[in-house]
Amino acid sequence: MTATNIETRVREFANLHNTSVEFVINLAELDNDIALGPLLDVLQAYCSSVHPIPVSLHNPVVIKQLLDDFRKRRQEQTRPIPFAVVIIGGQLFKRIVSGKVETTDSYQECAAFKDGLVAHDAATLLYKMGQFPVRFTTITNELRSPDTFIDRLSDVEFEQ
């Protein structure tokens, strides 16, 4: 996000919530948040979570404590959703680009299959492509957004 876009977003947030740009900047400094975008997101989520109770956004010290508590509660409520991965050697399968297999060591970047059967099919195809050792498994202890889960082999560039 560009500096101009973030400035506009801060101004719009301040106007919408009857506060000042200085409040947001002071809160960001207290929060050690260099990127204002994520701070505005969590602040908006907090305000929405207590709606229709109005939140007075004038004392950044008080709001910082409320946000810290809100973040902690949200993190405690978040449970990992299982997903399947394909492992080639010691690396996680990511995708195929121009016929070449890409791997990663990150659970956030790898191909996260919603369905274990699709992961099995991917492992079978990778084995046939000469990738070995290859296996698949289900990951149950990593947080990852279900929006990033893969439904079809074509999502990671396997030809259909």
N, C-alpha and C. Protein backbone atom coordinates (compact mmCIF):
# COMPACT_ATOMS: atom_id res chain seq x y z
N MET A 1 0.85 -1.16 0.00
CA MET A 1 0.00 0.00 0.00
C MET A 1 0.90 1.23 0.00
N THR A 2 0.60 2.19 -0.84
CA THR A 2 1.42 3.39 -0.93
C THR A 2 1.15 4.31 0.23
N ALA A 3 2.08 5.25 0.45
CA ALA A 3 1.94 6.21 1.55
C ALA A 3 0.68 7.04 1.38
N THR A 4 0.38 7.43 0.16
CA THR A 4 -0.82 8.23 -0.10
C THR A 4 -2.08 7.44 0.24
N ASN A 5 -2.10 6.16 -0.16
CA ASN A 5 -3.27 5.33 0.14
C ASN A 5 -3.46 5.16 1.64
N ILE A 6 -2.38 4.95 2.37
CA ILE A 6 -2.50 4.74 3.81
C ILE A 6 -2.93 6.04 4.50
N GLU A 7 -2.41 7.18 4.02
CA GLU A 7 -2.83 8.46 4.59
C GLU A 7 -4.33 8.67 4.39
N THR A 8 -4.79 8.37 3.20
CA THR A 8 -6.22 8.49 2.90
C THR A 8 -7.03 7.56 3.78
N ARG A 9 -6.55 6.35 3.95
CA ARG A 9 -7.27 5.37 4.77
C ARG A 9 -7.32 5.81 6.23
N VAL A 10 -6.21 6.38 6.74
CA VAL A 10 -6.19 6.86 8.12
C VAL A 10 -7.18 8.01 8.28
N ARG A 11 -7.18 8.95 7.33
CA ARG A 11 -8.13 10.07 7.40
C ARG A 11 -9.58 9.59 7.37
N GLU A 12 -9.87 8.66 6.47
CA GLU A 12 -11.24 8.13 6.37
C GLU A 12 -11.65 7.43 7.66
N PHE A 13 -10.73 6.63 8.23
CA PHE A 13 -11.01 5.95 9.49
C PHE A 13 -11.28 6.97 10.60
N ALA A 14 -10.43 8.00 10.67
CA ALA A 14 -10.58 9.03 11.71
C ALA A 14 -11.93 9.73 11.57
N ASN A 15 -12.31 10.07 10.34
CA ASN A 15 -13.60 10.75 10.13
C ASN A 15 -14.77 9.83 10.48
N LEU A 16 -14.69 8.59 10.08
CA LEU A 16 -15.77 7.64 10.32
C LEU A 16 -15.98 7.39 11.81
N HIS A 17 -14.90 7.37 12.58
CA HIS A 17 -14.98 7.02 14.00
C HIS A 17 -14.85 8.22 14.93
N ASN A 18 -15.02 9.42 14.37
CA ASN A 18 -15.02 10.64 15.17
C ASN A 18 -13.77 10.74 16.05
N THR A 19 -12.63 10.56 15.44
CA THR A 19 -11.36 10.68 16.14
C THR A 19 -10.41 11.49 15.27
N SER A 20 -9.14 11.51 15.64
CA SER A 20 -8.17 12.31 14.88
C SER A 20 -7.08 11.42 14.29
N VAL A 21 -6.43 11.95 13.28
CA VAL A 21 -5.29 11.26 12.68
C VAL A 21 -4.19 11.11 13.72
N GLU A 22 -4.05 12.12 14.58
CA GLU A 22 -3.03 12.06 15.64
C GLU A 22 -3.27 10.89 16.59
N PHE A 23 -4.54 10.61 16.89
CA PHE A 23 -4.86 9.46 17.74
C PHE A 23 -4.32 8.17 17.10
N VAL A 24 -4.58 7.99 15.81
CA VAL A 24 -4.14 6.77 15.11
C VAL A 24 -2.63 6.69 15.12
N ILE A 25 -1.95 7.80 14.86
CA ILE A 25 -0.48 7.82 14.85
C ILE A 25 0.06 7.51 16.24
N ASN A 26 -0.52 8.13 17.27
CA ASN A 26 -0.07 7.85 18.64
C ASN A 26 -0.31 6.39 19.03
N LEU A 27 -1.44 5.84 18.60
CA LEU A 27 -1.73 4.44 18.88
C LEU A 27 -0.71 3.53 18.17
N ALA A 28 -0.38 3.87 16.94
CA ALA A 28 0.61 3.09 16.19
C ALA A 28 1.97 3.13 16.87
N GLU A 29 2.35 4.27 17.39
CA GLU A 29 3.62 4.39 18.11
C GLU A 29 3.61 3.54 19.38
N LEU A 30 2.51 3.58 20.13
CA LEU A 30 2.39 2.74 21.33
C LEU A 30 2.42 1.26 20.99
N ASP A 31 1.83 0.93 19.85
CA ASP A 31 1.70 -0.46 19.42
C ASP A 31 2.95 -0.95 18.70
N ASN A 32 3.92 -0.07 18.51
CA ASN A 32 5.13 -0.41 17.73
C ASN A 32 4.76 -0.95 16.36
N ASP A 33 3.72 -0.39 15.78
CA ASP A 33 3.21 -0.86 14.50
C ASP A 33 3.67 0.08 13.40
N ILE A 34 4.62 -0.38 12.61
CA ILE A 34 5.14 0.43 11.50
C ILE A 34 4.12 0.50 10.38
N ALA A 35 3.41 -0.60 10.13
CA ALA A 35 2.41 -0.65 9.08
C ALA A 35 1.05 -0.29 9.67
N LEU A 36 0.52 0.84 9.26
CA LEU A 36 -0.75 1.30 9.80
C LEU A 36 -1.94 0.47 9.31
N GLY A 37 -1.82 -0.11 8.14
CA GLY A 37 -2.91 -0.90 7.57
C GLY A 37 -3.40 -1.99 8.51
N PRO A 38 -2.51 -2.88 8.98
CA PRO A 38 -2.96 -3.93 9.91
C PRO A 38 -3.53 -3.38 11.22
N LEU A 39 -2.97 -2.28 11.70
CA LEU A 39 -3.50 -1.67 12.93
C LEU A 39 -4.92 -1.17 12.70
N LEU A 40 -5.17 -0.53 11.58
CA LEU A 40 -6.52 -0.06 11.27
C LEU A 40 -7.48 -1.24 11.14
N ASP A 41 -7.00 -2.33 10.56
CA ASP A 41 -7.85 -3.52 10.42
C ASP A 41 -8.28 -4.06 11.78
N VAL A 42 -7.33 -4.20 12.69
CA VAL A 42 -7.67 -4.75 14.01
C VAL A 42 -8.50 -3.75 14.81
N LEU A 43 -8.24 -2.47 14.63
CA LEU A 43 -9.03 -1.46 15.32
C LEU A 43 -10.47 -1.47 14.82
N GLN A 44 -10.64 -1.61 13.52
CA GLN A 44 -11.98 -1.70 12.94
C GLN A 44 -12.68 -2.98 13.42
N ALA A 45 -11.94 -4.08 13.45
CA ALA A 45 -12.52 -5.35 13.92
C ALA A 45 -12.96 -5.23 15.38
N TYR A 46 -12.15 -4.56 16.19
CA TYR A 46 -12.53 -4.37 17.60
C TYR A 46 -13.80 -3.53 17.71
N CYS A 47 -13.83 -2.42 16.99
CA CYS A 47 -15.02 -1.55 17.04
C CYS A 47 -16.27 -2.31 16.60
N SER A 48 -16.12 -3.12 15.56
CA SER A 48 -17.26 -3.91 15.07
C SER A 48 -17.69 -4.96 16.08
N SER A 49 -16.71 -5.51 16.82
CA SER A 49 -17.03 -6.59 17.77
C SER A 49 -17.85 -6.09 18.96
N VAL A 50 -17.77 -4.81 19.29
CA VAL A 50 -18.52 -4.29 20.43
C VAL A 50 -19.73 -3.47 19.99
N HIS A 51 -19.93 -3.33 18.70
CA HIS A 51 -21.07 -2.58 18.17
C HIS A 51 -22.37 -3.15 18.72
N PRO A 52 -23.32 -2.42 19.16
CA PRO A 52 -23.58 -0.99 18.97
C PRO A 52 -23.00 -0.10 20.06
N ILE A 53 -22.20 -0.64 20.94
CA ILE A 53 -21.59 0.18 21.99
C ILE A 53 -20.53 1.07 21.33
N PRO A 54 -20.63 2.37 21.48
CA PRO A 54 -19.63 3.25 20.85
C PRO A 54 -18.30 3.16 21.60
N VAL A 55 -17.22 3.26 20.84
CA VAL A 55 -15.88 3.23 21.41
C VAL A 55 -15.29 4.64 21.28
N SER A 56 -14.88 5.20 22.39
CA SER A 56 -14.27 6.53 22.38
C SER A 56 -12.81 6.39 22.00
N LEU A 57 -12.48 6.82 20.81
CA LEU A 57 -11.11 6.68 20.31
C LEU A 57 -10.35 7.99 20.52
N HIS A 58 -10.07 8.26 21.81
CA HIS A 58 -9.35 9.50 22.12
C HIS A 58 -8.13 9.24 23.00
N ASN A 59 -8.13 8.15 23.77
CA ASN A 59 -7.01 7.85 24.65
C ASN A 59 -6.29 6.61 24.11
N PRO A 60 -5.16 6.81 23.41
CA PRO A 60 -4.47 5.67 22.79
C PRO A 60 -3.96 4.64 23.80
N VAL A 61 -3.65 5.05 25.02
CA VAL A 61 -3.15 4.11 26.02
C VAL A 61 -4.25 3.11 26.40
N VAL A 62 -5.46 3.61 26.60
CA VAL A 62 -6.59 2.74 26.95
C VAL A 62 -6.93 1.83 25.77
N ILE A 63 -6.97 2.40 24.58
CA ILE A 63 -7.32 1.62 23.39
C ILE A 63 -6.26 0.56 23.11
N LYS A 64 -4.99 0.88 23.34
CA LYS A 64 -3.93 -0.12 23.13
C LYS A 64 -4.18 -1.34 24.01
N GLN A 65 -4.52 -1.14 25.27
CA GLN A 65 -4.79 -2.26 26.18
C GLN A 65 -6.01 -3.06 25.70
N LEU A 66 -7.06 -2.36 25.27
CA LEU A 66 -8.24 -3.04 24.75
C LEU A 66 -7.90 -3.86 23.50
N LEU A 67 -7.07 -3.30 22.62
CA LEU A 67 -6.67 -4.02 21.41
C LEU A 67 -5.82 -5.24 21.75
N ASP A 68 -4.91 -5.09 22.71
CA ASP A 68 -4.08 -6.23 23.11
C ASP A 68 -4.96 -7.37 23.63
N ASP A 69 -5.94 -7.04 24.46
CA ASP A 69 -6.86 -8.05 24.98
C ASP A 69 -7.68 -8.68 23.86
N PHE A 70 -8.14 -7.84 22.93
CA PHE A 70 -8.93 -8.31 21.78
C PHE A 70 -8.11 -9.26 20.92
N ARG A 71 -6.85 -8.90 20.63
CA ARG A 71 -5.98 -9.77 19.84
C ARG A 71 -5.75 -11.10 20.54
N LYS A 72 -5.54 -11.05 21.84
CA LYS A 72 -5.29 -12.28 22.61
C LYS A 72 -6.52 -13.19 22.55
N ARG A 73 -7.70 -12.63 22.74
CA ARG A 73 -8.93 -13.43 22.67
C ARG A 73 -9.12 -14.04 21.29
N ARG A 74 -8.86 -13.24 20.25
CA ARG A 74 -9.01 -13.75 18.88
C ARG A 74 -8.02 -14.87 18.61
N GLN A 75 -6.80 -14.73 19.09
CA GLN A 75 -5.78 -15.76 18.87
C GLN A 75 -6.15 -17.04 19.60
N GLU A 76 -6.67 -16.92 20.82
CA GLU A 76 -7.07 -18.09 21.60
C GLU A 76 -8.25 -18.82 20.96
N GLN A 77 -9.11 -18.06 20.26
CA GLN A 77 -10.28 -18.66 19.64
C GLN A 77 -9.95 -19.31 18.31
N THR A 78 -8.82 -19.00 17.75
CA THR A 78 -8.46 -19.52 16.44
C THR A 78 -7.89 -20.93 16.60
N ARG A 79 -8.48 -21.86 15.90
CA ARG A 79 -8.01 -23.24 15.91
C ARG A 79 -7.56 -23.58 14.50
N PRO A 80 -6.47 -24.32 14.41
CA PRO A 80 -6.00 -24.72 13.07
C PRO A 80 -7.03 -25.59 12.35
N ILE A 81 -7.15 -25.37 11.06
CA ILE A 81 -8.00 -26.19 10.20
C ILE A 81 -7.06 -27.14 9.46
N PRO A 82 -7.28 -28.45 9.56
CA PRO A 82 -6.38 -29.40 8.89
C PRO A 82 -6.33 -29.20 7.38
N PHE A 83 -5.16 -29.41 6.83
CA PHE A 83 -4.98 -29.40 5.38
C PHE A 83 -3.89 -30.41 5.04
N ALA A 84 -3.89 -30.86 3.78
CA ALA A 84 -2.92 -31.86 3.34
C ALA A 84 -1.81 -31.18 2.54
N VAL A 85 -0.61 -31.72 2.66
CA VAL A 85 0.54 -31.23 1.91
C VAL A 85 1.24 -32.41 1.25
N VAL A 86 1.99 -32.08 0.21
CA VAL A 86 2.83 -33.08 -0.44
C VAL A 86 4.28 -32.73 -0.12
N ILE A 87 5.03 -33.74 0.28
CA ILE A 87 6.43 -33.55 0.66
C ILE A 87 7.30 -34.27 -0.36
N ILE A 88 8.23 -33.51 -0.92
CA ILE A 88 9.20 -34.08 -1.87
C ILE A 88 10.56 -33.99 -1.20
N GLY A 89 11.15 -35.13 -0.90
CA GLY A 89 12.38 -35.11 -0.13
C GLY A 89 12.06 -34.51 1.22
N GLY A 90 12.70 -33.44 1.58
CA GLY A 90 12.41 -32.75 2.83
C GLY A 90 11.71 -31.43 2.63
N GLN A 91 11.24 -31.15 1.42
CA GLN A 91 10.61 -29.87 1.10
C GLN A 91 9.13 -30.03 0.80
N LEU A 92 8.39 -28.98 1.02
CA LEU A 92 6.95 -28.97 0.75
C LEU A 92 6.71 -28.54 -0.70
N PHE A 93 5.83 -29.26 -1.37
CA PHE A 93 5.47 -28.90 -2.74
C PHE A 93 4.72 -27.57 -2.74
N LYS A 94 5.11 -26.69 -3.69
CA LYS A 94 4.48 -25.38 -3.80
C LYS A 94 3.59 -25.30 -5.04
N ARG A 95 4.18 -25.55 -6.22
CA ARG A 95 3.44 -25.49 -7.48
C ARG A 95 4.36 -25.90 -8.61
N ILE A 96 3.78 -25.97 -9.80
CA ILE A 96 4.56 -26.23 -11.01
C ILE A 96 4.54 -24.95 -11.84
N VAL A 97 5.73 -24.51 -12.25
CA VAL A 97 5.84 -23.32 -13.08
C VAL A 97 6.66 -23.69 -14.31
N SER A 98 6.05 -23.54 -15.48
CA SER A 98 6.71 -23.86 -16.76
C SER A 98 7.29 -25.28 -16.74
N GLY A 99 6.55 -26.21 -16.18
CA GLY A 99 6.98 -27.60 -16.15
C GLY A 99 7.98 -27.94 -15.06
N LYS A 100 8.40 -26.95 -14.26
CA LYS A 100 9.36 -27.19 -13.17
C LYS A 100 8.63 -27.19 -11.83
N VAL A 101 9.02 -28.12 -10.99
CA VAL A 101 8.42 -28.26 -9.67
C VAL A 101 9.09 -27.28 -8.71
N GLU A 102 8.26 -26.47 -8.04
CA GLU A 102 8.77 -25.55 -7.02
C GLU A 102 8.44 -26.11 -5.64
N THR A 103 9.38 -25.96 -4.72
CA THR A 103 9.17 -26.40 -3.34
C THR A 103 9.47 -25.24 -2.40
N THR A 104 9.09 -25.42 -1.15
CA THR A 104 9.34 -24.42 -0.12
C THR A 104 9.47 -25.13 1.21
N ASP A 105 9.91 -24.39 2.21
CA ASP A 105 9.93 -24.96 3.56
C ASP A 105 8.89 -24.27 4.46
N SER A 106 8.02 -23.48 3.84
CA SER A 106 7.02 -22.71 4.58
C SER A 106 5.62 -23.31 4.43
N TYR A 107 4.95 -23.51 5.56
CA TYR A 107 3.58 -23.99 5.53
C TYR A 107 2.62 -22.91 5.02
N GLN A 108 3.07 -21.65 5.04
CA GLN A 108 2.23 -20.56 4.53
C GLN A 108 2.33 -20.41 3.01
N GLU A 109 3.42 -20.90 2.42
CA GLU A 109 3.63 -20.78 0.98
C GLU A 109 3.34 -22.05 0.21
N CYS A 110 3.35 -23.18 0.86
CA CYS A 110 3.19 -24.46 0.17
C CYS A 110 1.76 -24.65 -0.33
N ALA A 111 1.59 -25.62 -1.20
CA ALA A 111 0.26 -25.99 -1.67
C ALA A 111 -0.46 -26.69 -0.53
N ALA A 112 -1.53 -26.07 -0.05
CA ALA A 112 -2.32 -26.63 1.06
C ALA A 112 -3.60 -27.18 0.45
N PHE A 113 -3.70 -28.49 0.41
CA PHE A 113 -4.85 -29.14 -0.22
C PHE A 113 -5.98 -29.31 0.78
N LYS A 114 -7.16 -28.89 0.39
CA LYS A 114 -8.35 -29.02 1.23
C LYS A 114 -8.70 -30.49 1.43
N ASP A 115 -8.50 -31.28 0.39
CA ASP A 115 -8.89 -32.69 0.39
C ASP A 115 -7.65 -33.57 0.26
N GLY A 116 -7.51 -34.54 1.16
CA GLY A 116 -6.37 -35.45 1.12
C GLY A 116 -6.30 -36.27 -0.16
N LEU A 117 -7.45 -36.55 -0.79
CA LEU A 117 -7.44 -37.31 -2.04
C LEU A 117 -6.79 -36.51 -3.16
N VAL A 118 -6.99 -35.21 -3.17
CA VAL A 118 -6.34 -34.35 -4.18
C VAL A 118 -4.83 -34.31 -3.92
N ALA A 119 -4.44 -34.27 -2.65
CA ALA A 119 -3.01 -34.30 -2.32
C ALA A 119 -2.41 -35.64 -2.75
N HIS A 120 -3.14 -36.73 -2.55
CA HIS A 120 -2.68 -38.05 -3.00
C HIS A 120 -2.48 -38.06 -4.50
N ASP A 121 -3.44 -37.52 -5.25
CA ASP A 121 -3.31 -37.45 -6.70
C ASP A 121 -2.11 -36.61 -7.11
N ALA A 122 -1.88 -35.50 -6.42
CA ALA A 122 -0.72 -34.65 -6.71
C ALA A 122 0.57 -35.42 -6.45
N ALA A 123 0.64 -36.13 -5.34
CA ALA A 123 1.84 -36.92 -5.03
C ALA A 123 2.08 -37.98 -6.09
N THR A 124 1.03 -38.63 -6.54
CA THR A 124 1.15 -39.65 -7.59
C THR A 124 1.69 -39.04 -8.88
N LEU A 125 1.14 -37.91 -9.28
CA LEU A 125 1.60 -37.24 -10.50
C LEU A 125 3.05 -36.76 -10.37
N LEU A 126 3.40 -36.25 -9.20
CA LEU A 126 4.78 -35.80 -8.98
C LEU A 126 5.75 -36.98 -9.04
N TYR A 127 5.35 -38.11 -8.50
CA TYR A 127 6.18 -39.31 -8.56
C TYR A 127 6.39 -39.72 -10.02
N LYS A 128 5.32 -39.68 -10.81
CA LYS A 128 5.42 -40.02 -12.23
C LYS A 128 6.30 -39.04 -12.99
N MET A 129 6.45 -37.82 -12.45
CA MET A 129 7.31 -36.80 -13.06
C MET A 129 8.76 -36.97 -12.63
N GLY A 130 9.04 -37.98 -11.81
CA GLY A 130 10.42 -38.24 -11.38
C GLY A 130 10.79 -37.61 -10.05
N GLN A 131 9.83 -37.11 -9.35
CA GLN A 131 10.08 -36.51 -8.04
C GLN A 131 9.98 -37.60 -6.98
N PHE A 132 11.05 -37.83 -6.25
CA PHE A 132 11.00 -38.81 -5.17
C PHE A 132 12.12 -38.53 -4.18
N PRO A 133 12.01 -38.95 -2.96
CA PRO A 133 10.82 -39.59 -2.41
C PRO A 133 9.69 -38.57 -2.28
N VAL A 134 8.49 -39.03 -2.48
CA VAL A 134 7.32 -38.16 -2.40
C VAL A 134 6.26 -38.83 -1.52
N ARG A 135 5.63 -38.03 -0.68
CA ARG A 135 4.56 -38.53 0.17
C ARG A 135 3.62 -37.37 0.48
N PHE A 136 2.50 -37.69 1.05
CA PHE A 136 1.58 -36.64 1.48
C PHE A 136 1.15 -36.93 2.90
N THR A 137 0.77 -35.86 3.59
CA THR A 137 0.34 -36.00 4.97
C THR A 137 -0.62 -34.87 5.30
N THR A 138 -1.31 -35.02 6.41
CA THR A 138 -2.23 -33.99 6.86
C THR A 138 -1.58 -33.18 7.98
N ILE A 139 -1.67 -31.87 7.88
CA ILE A 139 -1.12 -30.96 8.87
C ILE A 139 -2.28 -30.47 9.74
N THR A 140 -2.14 -30.62 11.04
CA THR A 140 -3.24 -30.27 11.94
C THR A 140 -2.87 -29.18 12.95
N ASN A 141 -1.61 -28.76 12.96
CA ASN A 141 -1.19 -27.83 14.00
C ASN A 141 -0.67 -26.49 13.47
N GLU A 142 -0.95 -26.17 12.21
CA GLU A 142 -0.52 -24.91 11.62
C GLU A 142 -1.74 -24.06 11.30
N LEU A 143 -1.68 -22.79 11.66
CA LEU A 143 -2.76 -21.87 11.31
C LEU A 143 -2.56 -21.40 9.87
N ARG A 144 -3.59 -21.56 9.08
CA ARG A 144 -3.56 -21.10 7.70
C ARG A 144 -4.99 -20.82 7.27
N SER A 145 -5.17 -19.74 6.55
CA SER A 145 -6.50 -19.35 6.12
C SER A 145 -7.08 -20.36 5.15
N PRO A 146 -8.30 -20.81 5.38
CA PRO A 146 -8.94 -21.75 4.45
C PRO A 146 -9.12 -21.15 3.06
N ASP A 147 -9.07 -19.82 2.95
CA ASP A 147 -9.17 -19.18 1.64
C ASP A 147 -8.01 -19.55 0.74
N THR A 148 -6.91 -20.00 1.32
CA THR A 148 -5.73 -20.34 0.53
C THR A 148 -5.65 -21.83 0.21
N PHE A 149 -6.64 -22.61 0.65
CA PHE A 149 -6.63 -24.05 0.39
C PHE A 149 -6.90 -24.32 -1.09
N ILE A 150 -6.34 -25.40 -1.58
CA ILE A 150 -6.44 -25.77 -2.99
C ILE A 150 -7.47 -26.87 -3.15
N ASP A 151 -8.35 -26.67 -4.13
CA ASP A 151 -9.42 -27.63 -4.40
C ASP A 151 -9.07 -28.58 -5.54
N ARG A 152 -8.36 -28.05 -6.54
CA ARG A 152 -8.11 -28.81 -7.77
C ARG A 152 -6.62 -28.80 -8.12
N LEU A 153 -6.20 -29.83 -8.80
CA LEU A 153 -4.80 -29.91 -9.23
C LEU A 153 -4.44 -28.77 -10.17
N SER A 154 -5.38 -28.30 -10.94
CA SER A 154 -5.11 -27.20 -11.87
C SER A 154 -4.74 -25.91 -11.12
N ASP A 155 -5.12 -25.80 -9.85
CA ASP A 155 -4.78 -24.61 -9.06
C ASP A 155 -3.28 -24.48 -8.84
N VAL A 156 -2.55 -25.58 -8.95
CA VAL A 156 -1.09 -25.54 -8.79
C VAL A 156 -0.39 -25.92 -10.10
N GLU A 157 -1.13 -25.72 -11.20
CA GLU A 157 -0.60 -25.82 -12.56
C GLU A 157 -0.37 -27.24 -13.07
N PHE A 158 -1.03 -28.24 -12.47
CA PHE A 158 -1.01 -29.56 -13.09
C PHE A 158 -1.94 -29.49 -14.29
N GLU A 159 -1.51 -30.04 -15.40
CA GLU A 159 -2.37 -30.02 -16.60
C GLU A 159 -3.47 -31.04 -16.43
N GLN A 160 -4.65 -30.68 -16.85
CA GLN A 160 -5.80 -31.59 -16.74
C GLN A 160 -6.01 -32.32 -18.04
